[in-house]
Amino acid sequence: DEQKLRMENAQLKEELDRISSIAAKYIGRPFSRLPSIQPIAASSL
């Protein structure tokens, strides 16, 4: 139902905020600028 979906949505937002901070440490730019799932491909590789 709608209440359960809202609870799951809130949990996903918290996880996204935490992972975004880790991504900035390793990649050097905000996680939101990256493609959602696919990995980065080097231009020559």
All heavy atoms as atom14 arrays in JSON, in Angstrom:
{
  "sequence": "DEQKLRMENAQLKEELDRISSIAAKYIGRPFSRLPSIQPIAASSL",
  "atom14_mask": [
    [1, 1, 1, 1, 1, 1, 1, 1, 0, 0, 0, 0, 0, 0],
    [1, 1, 1, 1, 1, 1, 1, 1, 1, 0, 0, 0, 0, 0],
    [1, 1, 1, 1, 1, 1, 1, 1, 1, 0, 0, 0, 0, 0],
    [1, 1, 1, 1, 1, 1, 1, 1, 1, 0, 0, 0, 0, 0],
    [1, 1, 1, 1, 1, 1, 1, 1, 0, 0, 0, 0, 0, 0],
    [1, 1, 1, 1, 1, 1, 1, 1, 1, 1, 1, 0, 0, 0],
    [1, 1, 1, 1, 1, 1, 1, 1, 0, 0, 0, 0, 0, 0],
    [1, 1, 1, 1, 1, 1, 1, 1, 1, 0, 0, 0, 0, 0],
    [1, 1, 1, 1, 1, 1, 1, 1, 0, 0, 0, 0, 0, 0],
    [1, 1, 1, 1, 1, 0, 0, 0, 0, 0, 0, 0, 0, 0],
    [1, 1, 1, 1, 1, 1, 1, 1, 1, 0, 0, 0, 0, 0],
    [1, 1, 1, 1, 1, 1, 1, 1, 0, 0, 0, 0, 0, 0],
    [1, 1, 1, 1, 1, 1, 1, 1, 1, 0, 0, 0, 0, 0],
    [1, 1, 1, 1, 1, 1, 1, 1, 1, 0, 0, 0, 0, 0],
    [1, 1, 1, 1, 1, 1, 1, 1, 1, 0, 0, 0, 0, 0],
    [1, 1, 1, 1, 1, 1, 1, 1, 0, 0, 0, 0, 0, 0],
    [1, 1, 1, 1, 1, 1, 1, 1, 0, 0, 0, 0, 0, 0],
    [1, 1, 1, 1, 1, 1, 1, 1, 1, 1, 1, 0, 0, 0],
    [1, 1, 1, 1, 1, 1, 1, 1, 0, 0, 0, 0, 0, 0],
    [1, 1, 1, 1, 1, 1, 0, 0, 0, 0, 0, 0, 0, 0],
    [1, 1, 1, 1, 1, 1, 0, 0, 0, 0, 0, 0, 0, 0],
    [1, 1, 1, 1, 1, 1, 1, 1, 0, 0, 0, 0, 0, 0],
    [1, 1, 1, 1, 1, 0, 0, 0, 0, 0, 0, 0, 0, 0],
    [1, 1, 1, 1, 1, 0, 0, 0, 0, 0, 0, 0, 0, 0],
    [1, 1, 1, 1, 1, 1, 1, 1, 1, 0, 0, 0, 0, 0],
    [1, 1, 1, 1, 1, 1, 1, 1, 1, 1, 1, 1, 0, 0],
    [1, 1, 1, 1, 1, 1, 1, 1, 0, 0, 0, 0, 0, 0],
    [1, 1, 1, 1, 0, 0, 0, 0, 0, 0, 0, 0, 0, 0],
    [1, 1, 1, 1, 1, 1, 1, 1, 1, 1, 1, 0, 0, 0],
    [1, 1, 1, 1, 1, 1, 1, 0, 0, 0, 0, 0, 0, 0],
    [1, 1, 1, 1, 1, 1, 1, 1, 1, 1, 1, 0, 0, 0],
    [1, 1, 1, 1, 1, 1, 0, 0, 0, 0, 0, 0, 0, 0],
    [1, 1, 1, 1, 1, 1, 1, 1, 1, 1, 1, 0, 0, 0],
    [1, 1, 1, 1, 1, 1, 1, 1, 0, 0, 0, 0, 0, 0],
    [1, 1, 1, 1, 1, 1, 1, 0, 0, 0, 0, 0, 0, 0],
    [1, 1, 1, 1, 1, 1, 0, 0, 0, 0, 0, 0, 0, 0],
    [1, 1, 1, 1, 1, 1, 1, 1, 0, 0, 0, 0, 0, 0],
    [1, 1, 1, 1, 1, 1, 1, 1, 1, 0, 0, 0, 0, 0],
    [1, 1, 1, 1, 1, 1, 1, 0, 0, 0, 0, 0, 0, 0],
    [1, 1, 1, 1, 1, 1, 1, 1, 0, 0, 0, 0, 0, 0],
    [1, 1, 1, 1, 1, 0, 0, 0, 0, 0, 0, 0, 0, 0],
    [1, 1, 1, 1, 1, 0, 0, 0, 0, 0, 0, 0, 0, 0],
    [1, 1, 1, 1, 1, 1, 0, 0, 0, 0, 0, 0, 0, 0],
    [1, 1, 1, 1, 1, 1, 0, 0, 0, 0, 0, 0, 0, 0],
    [1, 1, 1, 1, 1, 1, 1, 1, 0, 0, 0, 0, 0, 0]
  ],
  "atom14_positions": [
    [[0.84, -1.2, 0.0], [0.0, 0.0, 0.0], [0.87, 1.24, 0.0], [2.1, 1.18, 0.01], [-0.95, -0.01, 1.19], [-0.22, -0.22, 2.51], [1.01, -0.07, 2.51], [-0.86, -0.53, 3.51], [0.0, 0.0, 0.0], [0.0, 0.0, 0.0], [0.0, 0.0, 0.0], [0.0, 0.0, 0.0], [0.0, 0.0, 0.0], [0.0, 0.0, 0.0]],
    [[0.2, 2.36, 0.02], [0.91, 3.64, -0.09], [1.82, 3.9, 1.09], [2.94, 4.41, 0.93], [-0.13, 4.77, -0.2], [0.5, 6.15, -0.37], [-0.55, 7.25, -0.49], [-1.76, 6.92, -0.5], [-0.16, 8.42, -0.57], [0.0, 0.0, 0.0], [0.0, 0.0, 0.0], [0.0, 0.0, 0.0], [0.0, 0.0, 0.0], [0.0, 0.0, 0.0]],
    [[1.38, 3.51, 2.32], [2.21, 3.77, 3.49], [3.52, 3.0, 3.43], [4.59, 3.53, 3.75], [1.44, 3.39, 4.76], [2.21, 3.67, 6.04], [1.41, 3.31, 7.28], [0.28, 2.82, 7.16], [1.97, 3.55, 8.45], [0.0, 0.0, 0.0], [0.0, 0.0, 0.0], [0.0, 0.0, 0.0], [0.0, 0.0, 0.0], [0.0, 0.0, 0.0]],
    [[3.47, 1.75, 3.0], [4.69, 0.95, 2.92], [5.64, 1.49, 1.86], [6.86, 1.53, 2.04], [4.33, -0.51, 2.61], [5.53, -1.45, 2.65], [5.11, -2.89, 2.51], [6.32, -3.81, 2.58], [5.94, -5.24, 2.47], [0.0, 0.0, 0.0], [0.0, 0.0, 0.0], [0.0, 0.0, 0.0], [0.0, 0.0, 0.0], [0.0, 0.0, 0.0]],
    [[5.08, 1.94, 0.74], [5.91, 2.51, -0.31], [6.61, 3.77, 0.16], [7.77, 4.02, -0.17], [5.07, 2.79, -1.55], [4.57, 1.56, -2.33], [3.65, 1.99, -3.46], [5.75, 0.77, -2.88], [0.0, 0.0, 0.0], [0.0, 0.0, 0.0], [0.0, 0.0, 0.0], [0.0, 0.0, 0.0], [0.0, 0.0, 0.0], [0.0, 0.0, 0.0]],
    [[5.91, 4.59, 0.94], [6.54, 5.8, 1.45], [7.68, 5.48, 2.42], [8.72, 6.15, 2.43], [5.49, 6.66, 2.16], [4.5, 7.32, 1.2], [3.61, 8.3, 1.92], [2.7, 8.95, 0.99], [1.88, 9.95, 1.33], [1.86, 10.39, 2.58], [1.08, 10.49, 0.43], [0.0, 0.0, 0.0], [0.0, 0.0, 0.0], [0.0, 0.0, 0.0]],
    [[7.51, 4.45, 3.25], [8.58, 4.06, 4.18], [9.8, 3.56, 3.41], [10.95, 3.92, 3.73], [8.07, 2.97, 5.13], [7.0, 3.44, 6.1], [6.35, 2.09, 7.09], [7.82, 1.56, 7.93], [0.0, 0.0, 0.0], [0.0, 0.0, 0.0], [0.0, 0.0, 0.0], [0.0, 0.0, 0.0], [0.0, 0.0, 0.0], [0.0, 0.0, 0.0]],
    [[9.57, 2.76, 2.38], [10.69, 2.27, 1.59], [11.39, 3.4, 0.85], [12.61, 3.41, 0.71], [10.2, 1.22, 0.59], [9.74, -0.07, 1.24], [9.25, -1.08, 0.21], [9.16, -0.7, -0.97], [8.96, -2.23, 0.59], [0.0, 0.0, 0.0], [0.0, 0.0, 0.0], [0.0, 0.0, 0.0], [0.0, 0.0, 0.0], [0.0, 0.0, 0.0]],
    [[10.6, 4.37, 0.38], [11.18, 5.51, -0.32], [12.09, 6.32, 0.6], [13.17, 6.79, 0.2], [10.06, 6.38, -0.89], [10.59, 7.42, -1.86], [11.56, 7.18, -2.56], [9.95, 8.58, -1.9], [0.0, 0.0, 0.0], [0.0, 0.0, 0.0], [0.0, 0.0, 0.0], [0.0, 0.0, 0.0], [0.0, 0.0, 0.0], [0.0, 0.0, 0.0]],
    [[11.67, 6.49, 1.86], [12.49, 7.23, 2.81], [13.8, 6.5, 3.1], [14.88, 7.12, 3.2], [11.71, 7.45, 4.11], [0.0, 0.0, 0.0], [0.0, 0.0, 0.0], [0.0, 0.0, 0.0], [0.0, 0.0, 0.0], [0.0, 0.0, 0.0], [0.0, 0.0, 0.0], [0.0, 0.0, 0.0], [0.0, 0.0, 0.0], [0.0, 0.0, 0.0]],
    [[13.73, 5.17, 3.22], [14.95, 4.4, 3.45], [15.92, 4.49, 2.27], [17.13, 4.6, 2.44], [14.6, 2.94, 3.73], [13.84, 2.73, 5.03], [13.42, 1.28, 5.21], [13.59, 0.45, 4.31], [12.85, 0.97, 6.36], [0.0, 0.0, 0.0], [0.0, 0.0, 0.0], [0.0, 0.0, 0.0], [0.0, 0.0, 0.0], [0.0, 0.0, 0.0]],
    [[15.38, 4.45, 1.05], [16.22, 4.56, -0.14], [16.89, 5.92, -0.22], [18.05, 6.04, -0.66], [15.4, 4.28, -1.4], [14.94, 2.84, -1.6], [14.01, 2.75, -2.81], [16.13, 1.92, -1.79], [0.0, 0.0, 0.0], [0.0, 0.0, 0.0], [0.0, 0.0, 0.0], [0.0, 0.0, 0.0], [0.0, 0.0, 0.0], [0.0, 0.0, 0.0]],
    [[16.17, 6.96, 0.17], [16.78, 8.3, 0.15], [17.94, 8.4, 1.13], [18.98, 9.0, 0.83], [15.72, 9.35, 0.46], [14.74, 9.62, -0.68], [13.77, 10.73, -0.33], [12.83, 11.05, -1.51], [11.88, 12.13, -1.19], [0.0, 0.0, 0.0], [0.0, 0.0, 0.0], [0.0, 0.0, 0.0], [0.0, 0.0, 0.0], [0.0, 0.0, 0.0]],
    [[17.77, 7.8, 2.33], [18.86, 7.81, 3.3], [20.08, 7.06, 2.76], [21.23, 7.49, 2.92], [18.4, 7.19, 4.62], [17.35, 8.01, 5.36], [16.91, 7.33, 6.63], [17.42, 6.22, 6.92], [16.05, 7.88, 7.34], [0.0, 0.0, 0.0], [0.0, 0.0, 0.0], [0.0, 0.0, 0.0], [0.0, 0.0, 0.0], [0.0, 0.0, 0.0]],
    [[19.84, 5.91, 2.14], [20.94, 5.13, 1.57], [21.62, 5.89, 0.44], [22.85, 5.86, 0.3], [20.42, 3.78, 1.07], [21.51, 2.84, 0.58], [20.96, 1.49, 0.17], [19.74, 1.31, 0.23], [21.78, 0.63, -0.23], [0.0, 0.0, 0.0], [0.0, 0.0, 0.0], [0.0, 0.0, 0.0], [0.0, 0.0, 0.0], [0.0, 0.0, 0.0]],
    [[20.84, 6.59, -0.39], [21.41, 7.36, -1.48], [22.31, 8.47, -0.95], [23.39, 8.72, -1.49], [20.29, 7.94, -2.34], [20.73, 8.85, -3.49], [21.61, 8.06, -4.46], [19.53, 9.43, -4.22], [0.0, 0.0, 0.0], [0.0, 0.0, 0.0], [0.0, 0.0, 0.0], [0.0, 0.0, 0.0], [0.0, 0.0, 0.0], [0.0, 0.0, 0.0]],
    [[21.87, 9.16, 0.12], [22.69, 10.23, 0.69], [24.02, 9.69, 1.22], [25.09, 10.29, 1.03], [21.93, 10.94, 1.81], [20.72, 11.7, 1.29], [20.71, 12.01, 0.08], [19.79, 11.97, 2.08], [0.0, 0.0, 0.0], [0.0, 0.0, 0.0], [0.0, 0.0, 0.0], [0.0, 0.0, 0.0], [0.0, 0.0, 0.0], [0.0, 0.0, 0.0]],
    [[23.96, 8.53, 1.88], [25.19, 7.96, 2.43], [26.15, 7.52, 1.33], [27.36, 7.78, 1.39], [24.83, 6.76, 3.32], [26.04, 6.07, 3.93], [25.6, 4.97, 4.9], [24.77, 3.99, 4.23], [25.26, 2.98, 3.5], [26.57, 2.87, 3.35], [24.47, 2.11, 2.91], [0.0, 0.0, 0.0], [0.0, 0.0, 0.0], [0.0, 0.0, 0.0]],
    [[25.62, 6.87, 0.3], [26.47, 6.38, -0.78], [27.01, 7.55, -1.6], [28.14, 7.5, -2.1], [25.69, 5.4, -1.67], [25.39, 4.13, -0.86], [26.45, 5.06, -2.93], [24.64, 3.08, -1.64], [0.0, 0.0, 0.0], [0.0, 0.0, 0.0], [0.0, 0.0, 0.0], [0.0, 0.0, 0.0], [0.0, 0.0, 0.0], [0.0, 0.0, 0.0]],
    [[26.25, 8.62, -1.73], [26.72, 9.77, -2.48], [27.95, 10.39, -1.82], [28.89, 10.82, -2.5], [25.61, 10.81, -2.61], [24.52, 10.3, -3.35], [0.0, 0.0, 0.0], [0.0, 0.0, 0.0], [0.0, 0.0, 0.0], [0.0, 0.0, 0.0], [0.0, 0.0, 0.0], [0.0, 0.0, 0.0], [0.0, 0.0, 0.0], [0.0, 0.0, 0.0]],
    [[27.96, 10.4, -0.48], [29.12, 10.95, 0.21], [30.35, 10.07, 0.01], [31.48, 10.55, -0.12], [28.83, 11.1, 1.7], [28.55, 9.83, 2.28], [0.0, 0.0, 0.0], [0.0, 0.0, 0.0], [0.0, 0.0, 0.0], [0.0, 0.0, 0.0], [0.0, 0.0, 0.0], [0.0, 0.0, 0.0], [0.0, 0.0, 0.0], [0.0, 0.0, 0.0]],
    [[30.16, 8.73, -0.03], [31.28, 7.82, -0.28], [31.78, 7.98, -1.71], [32.98, 7.96, -1.99], [30.85, 6.36, -0.01], [30.42, 6.19, 1.44], [31.99, 5.4, -0.33], [29.89, 4.81, 1.76], [0.0, 0.0, 0.0], [0.0, 0.0, 0.0], [0.0, 0.0, 0.0], [0.0, 0.0, 0.0], [0.0, 0.0, 0.0], [0.0, 0.0, 0.0]],
    [[30.84, 8.15, -2.65], [31.23, 8.29, -4.06], [32.1, 9.51, -4.28], [33.04, 9.49, -5.08], [29.97, 8.37, -4.93], [0.0, 0.0, 0.0], [0.0, 0.0, 0.0], [0.0, 0.0, 0.0], [0.0, 0.0, 0.0], [0.0, 0.0, 0.0], [0.0, 0.0, 0.0], [0.0, 0.0, 0.0], [0.0, 0.0, 0.0], [0.0, 0.0, 0.0]],
    [[31.78, 10.6, -3.58], [32.59, 11.8, -3.75], [34.03, 11.57, -3.32], [34.96, 12.13, -3.9], [31.97, 12.95, -2.94], [0.0, 0.0, 0.0], [0.0, 0.0, 0.0], [0.0, 0.0, 0.0], [0.0, 0.0, 0.0], [0.0, 0.0, 0.0], [0.0, 0.0, 0.0], [0.0, 0.0, 0.0], [0.0, 0.0, 0.0], [0.0, 0.0, 0.0]],
    [[34.22, 10.7, -2.33], [35.58, 10.43, -1.84], [36.39, 9.66, -2.87], [37.56, 9.94, -3.09], [35.49, 9.64, -0.53], [36.83, 9.16, -0.01], [36.67, 8.37, 1.27], [38.01, 7.84, 1.76], [37.89, 7.04, 2.99], [0.0, 0.0, 0.0], [0.0, 0.0, 0.0], [0.0, 0.0, 0.0], [0.0, 0.0, 0.0], [0.0, 0.0, 0.0]],
    [[35.77, 8.67, -3.53], [36.52, 7.79, -4.42], [36.6, 8.31, -5.84], [37.58, 8.07, -6.54], [35.88, 6.4, -4.43], [36.15, 5.61, -3.18], [35.22, 5.58, -2.14], [37.33, 4.91, -3.02], [35.47, 4.86, -0.99], [37.6, 4.19, -1.87], [36.66, 4.17, -0.86], [36.9, 3.47, 0.28], [0.0, 0.0, 0.0], [0.0, 0.0, 0.0]],
    [[35.54, 8.98, -6.3], [35.47, 9.34, -7.72], [35.78, 10.8, -7.95], [36.23, 11.19, -9.02], [34.08, 8.96, -8.29], [33.82, 7.47, -8.03], [33.98, 9.26, -9.77], [32.45, 7.01, -8.47], [0.0, 0.0, 0.0], [0.0, 0.0, 0.0], [0.0, 0.0, 0.0], [0.0, 0.0, 0.0], [0.0, 0.0, 0.0], [0.0, 0.0, 0.0]],
    [[35.55, 11.64, -6.95], [35.93, 13.03, -7.08], [34.83, 13.92, -7.61], [35.07, 15.1, -7.9], [0.0, 0.0, 0.0], [0.0, 0.0, 0.0], [0.0, 0.0, 0.0], [0.0, 0.0, 0.0], [0.0, 0.0, 0.0], [0.0, 0.0, 0.0], [0.0, 0.0, 0.0], [0.0, 0.0, 0.0], [0.0, 0.0, 0.0], [0.0, 0.0, 0.0]],
    [[33.62, 13.4, -7.78], [32.48, 14.22, -8.19], [31.21, 13.59, -7.63], [31.19, 12.4, -7.31], [32.41, 14.33, -9.71], [32.52, 13.03, -10.48], [32.58, 13.31, -11.96], [32.65, 12.12, -12.76], [33.77, 11.48, -13.09], [34.92, 11.95, -12.64], [33.75, 10.4, -13.83], [0.0, 0.0, 0.0], [0.0, 0.0, 0.0], [0.0, 0.0, 0.0]],
    [[30.13, 14.38, -7.52], [28.91, 13.87, -6.9], [28.38, 12.63, -7.61], [28.47, 12.49, -8.82], [27.93, 15.04, -7.02], [28.79, 16.24, -7.15], [30.01, 15.8, -7.9], [0.0, 0.0, 0.0], [0.0, 0.0, 0.0], [0.0, 0.0, 0.0], [0.0, 0.0, 0.0], [0.0, 0.0, 0.0], [0.0, 0.0, 0.0], [0.0, 0.0, 0.0]],
    [[27.81, 11.72, -6.82], [27.29, 10.47, -7.37], [26.13, 10.71, -8.32], [25.9, 9.94, -9.24], [26.85, 9.57, -6.21], [26.39, 8.21, -6.64], [27.27, 7.33, -7.24], [25.08, 7.82, -6.46], [26.87, 6.07, -7.62], [24.68, 6.56, -6.85], [25.57, 5.69, -7.42], [0.0, 0.0, 0.0], [0.0, 0.0, 0.0], [0.0, 0.0, 0.0]],
    [[25.36, 11.8, -8.12], [24.21, 12.07, -8.97], [24.6, 12.36, -10.41], [23.79, 12.22, -11.32], [23.42, 13.27, -8.41], [24.25, 14.41, -8.34], [0.0, 0.0, 0.0], [0.0, 0.0, 0.0], [0.0, 0.0, 0.0], [0.0, 0.0, 0.0], [0.0, 0.0, 0.0], [0.0, 0.0, 0.0], [0.0, 0.0, 0.0], [0.0, 0.0, 0.0]],
    [[25.85, 12.78, -10.67], [26.29, 13.05, -12.04], [26.65, 11.77, -12.79], [26.86, 11.8, -13.99], [27.52, 13.95, -12.02], [27.26, 15.32, -11.39], [28.52, 16.15, -11.45], [28.37, 17.38, -10.72], [29.35, 18.26, -10.54], [30.54, 18.02, -11.05], [29.15, 19.36, -9.86], [0.0, 0.0, 0.0], [0.0, 0.0, 0.0], [0.0, 0.0, 0.0]],
    [[26.78, 10.65, -12.05], [27.17, 9.41, -12.69], [25.95, 8.72, -13.28], [24.83, 8.93, -12.83], [27.8, 8.47, -11.67], [29.07, 8.99, -10.99], [29.49, 8.02, -9.91], [30.17, 9.2, -11.99], [0.0, 0.0, 0.0], [0.0, 0.0, 0.0], [0.0, 0.0, 0.0], [0.0, 0.0, 0.0], [0.0, 0.0, 0.0], [0.0, 0.0, 0.0]],
    [[26.14, 7.88, -14.29], [25.04, 7.06, -14.76], [24.53, 6.21, -13.61], [25.27, 5.81, -12.73], [25.67, 6.19, -15.85], [26.88, 6.95, -16.28], [27.36, 7.68, -15.08], [0.0, 0.0, 0.0], [0.0, 0.0, 0.0], [0.0, 0.0, 0.0], [0.0, 0.0, 0.0], [0.0, 0.0, 0.0], [0.0, 0.0, 0.0], [0.0, 0.0, 0.0]],
    [[23.24, 5.89, -13.61], [22.61, 5.28, -12.46], [23.16, 3.91, -12.13], [23.35, 3.56, -10.99], [21.1, 5.17, -12.69], [20.85, 4.42, -13.86], [0.0, 0.0, 0.0], [0.0, 0.0, 0.0], [0.0, 0.0, 0.0], [0.0, 0.0, 0.0], [0.0, 0.0, 0.0], [0.0, 0.0, 0.0], [0.0, 0.0, 0.0], [0.0, 0.0, 0.0]],
    [[23.44, 3.07, -13.13], [23.88, 1.71, -12.86], [25.13, 1.37, -13.63], [26.06, 0.79, -13.1], [22.76, 0.7, -13.19], [21.57, 0.92, -12.26], [23.27, -0.73, -13.09], [20.41, -0.01, -12.54], [0.0, 0.0, 0.0], [0.0, 0.0, 0.0], [0.0, 0.0, 0.0], [0.0, 0.0, 0.0], [0.0, 0.0, 0.0], [0.0, 0.0, 0.0]],
    [[25.2, 1.75, -14.9], [26.31, 1.3, -15.74], [27.62, 1.93, -15.28], [27.67, 3.08, -14.86], [26.05, 1.69, -17.21], [24.82, 1.02, -17.78], [24.97, -0.48, -17.77], [26.06, -0.98, -17.97], [23.88, -1.2, -17.53], [0.0, 0.0, 0.0], [0.0, 0.0, 0.0], [0.0, 0.0, 0.0], [0.0, 0.0, 0.0], [0.0, 0.0, 0.0]],
    [[28.73, 1.2, -15.32], [30.03, 1.74, -14.91], [30.58, 2.7, -15.93], [30.21, 2.71, -17.09], [30.9, 0.48, -14.81], [30.27, -0.47, -15.77], [28.8, -0.2, -15.72], [0.0, 0.0, 0.0], [0.0, 0.0, 0.0], [0.0, 0.0, 0.0], [0.0, 0.0, 0.0], [0.0, 0.0, 0.0], [0.0, 0.0, 0.0], [0.0, 0.0, 0.0]],
    [[31.53, 3.53, -15.47], [32.19, 4.48, -16.35], [33.12, 3.72, -17.29], [33.82, 2.81, -16.88], [33.0, 5.49, -15.53], [32.04, 6.31, -14.65], [33.81, 6.39, -16.41], [32.76, 7.27, -13.78], [0.0, 0.0, 0.0], [0.0, 0.0, 0.0], [0.0, 0.0, 0.0], [0.0, 0.0, 0.0], [0.0, 0.0, 0.0], [0.0, 0.0, 0.0]],
    [[33.13, 4.08, -18.53], [34.04, 3.47, -19.51], [35.08, 4.48, -19.92], [34.76, 5.61, -20.28], [33.27, 2.98, -20.74], [0.0, 0.0, 0.0], [0.0, 0.0, 0.0], [0.0, 0.0, 0.0], [0.0, 0.0, 0.0], [0.0, 0.0, 0.0], [0.0, 0.0, 0.0], [0.0, 0.0, 0.0], [0.0, 0.0, 0.0], [0.0, 0.0, 0.0]],
    [[36.34, 4.1, -19.83], [37.39, 5.01, -20.25], [37.33, 5.21, -21.75], [36.93, 4.34, -22.5], [38.76, 4.43, -19.85], [0.0, 0.0, 0.0], [0.0, 0.0, 0.0], [0.0, 0.0, 0.0], [0.0, 0.0, 0.0], [0.0, 0.0, 0.0], [0.0, 0.0, 0.0], [0.0, 0.0, 0.0], [0.0, 0.0, 0.0], [0.0, 0.0, 0.0]],
    [[37.72, 6.4, -22.17], [37.59, 6.75, -23.58], [38.41, 5.84, -24.48], [38.0, 5.52, -25.59], [38.04, 8.2, -23.78], [39.38, 8.36, -23.33], [0.0, 0.0, 0.0], [0.0, 0.0, 0.0], [0.0, 0.0, 0.0], [0.0, 0.0, 0.0], [0.0, 0.0, 0.0], [0.0, 0.0, 0.0], [0.0, 0.0, 0.0], [0.0, 0.0, 0.0]],
    [[39.58, 5.4, -24.01], [40.45, 4.6, -24.86], [40.44, 3.13, -24.5], [41.14, 2.34, -25.1], [41.89, 5.12, -24.76], [42.33, 5.05, -23.42], [0.0, 0.0, 0.0], [0.0, 0.0, 0.0], [0.0, 0.0, 0.0], [0.0, 0.0, 0.0], [0.0, 0.0, 0.0], [0.0, 0.0, 0.0], [0.0, 0.0, 0.0], [0.0, 0.0, 0.0]],
    [[39.64, 2.75, -23.48], [39.66, 1.38, -23.02], [38.25, 0.83, -22.97], [37.28, 1.56, -22.76], [40.27, 1.29, -21.6], [41.68, 1.85, -21.45], [42.08, 1.82, -20.0], [42.65, 1.07, -22.29], [0.0, 0.0, 0.0], [0.0, 0.0, 0.0], [0.0, 0.0, 0.0], [0.0, 0.0, 0.0], [0.0, 0.0, 0.0], [0.0, 0.0, 0.0]]
  ]
}
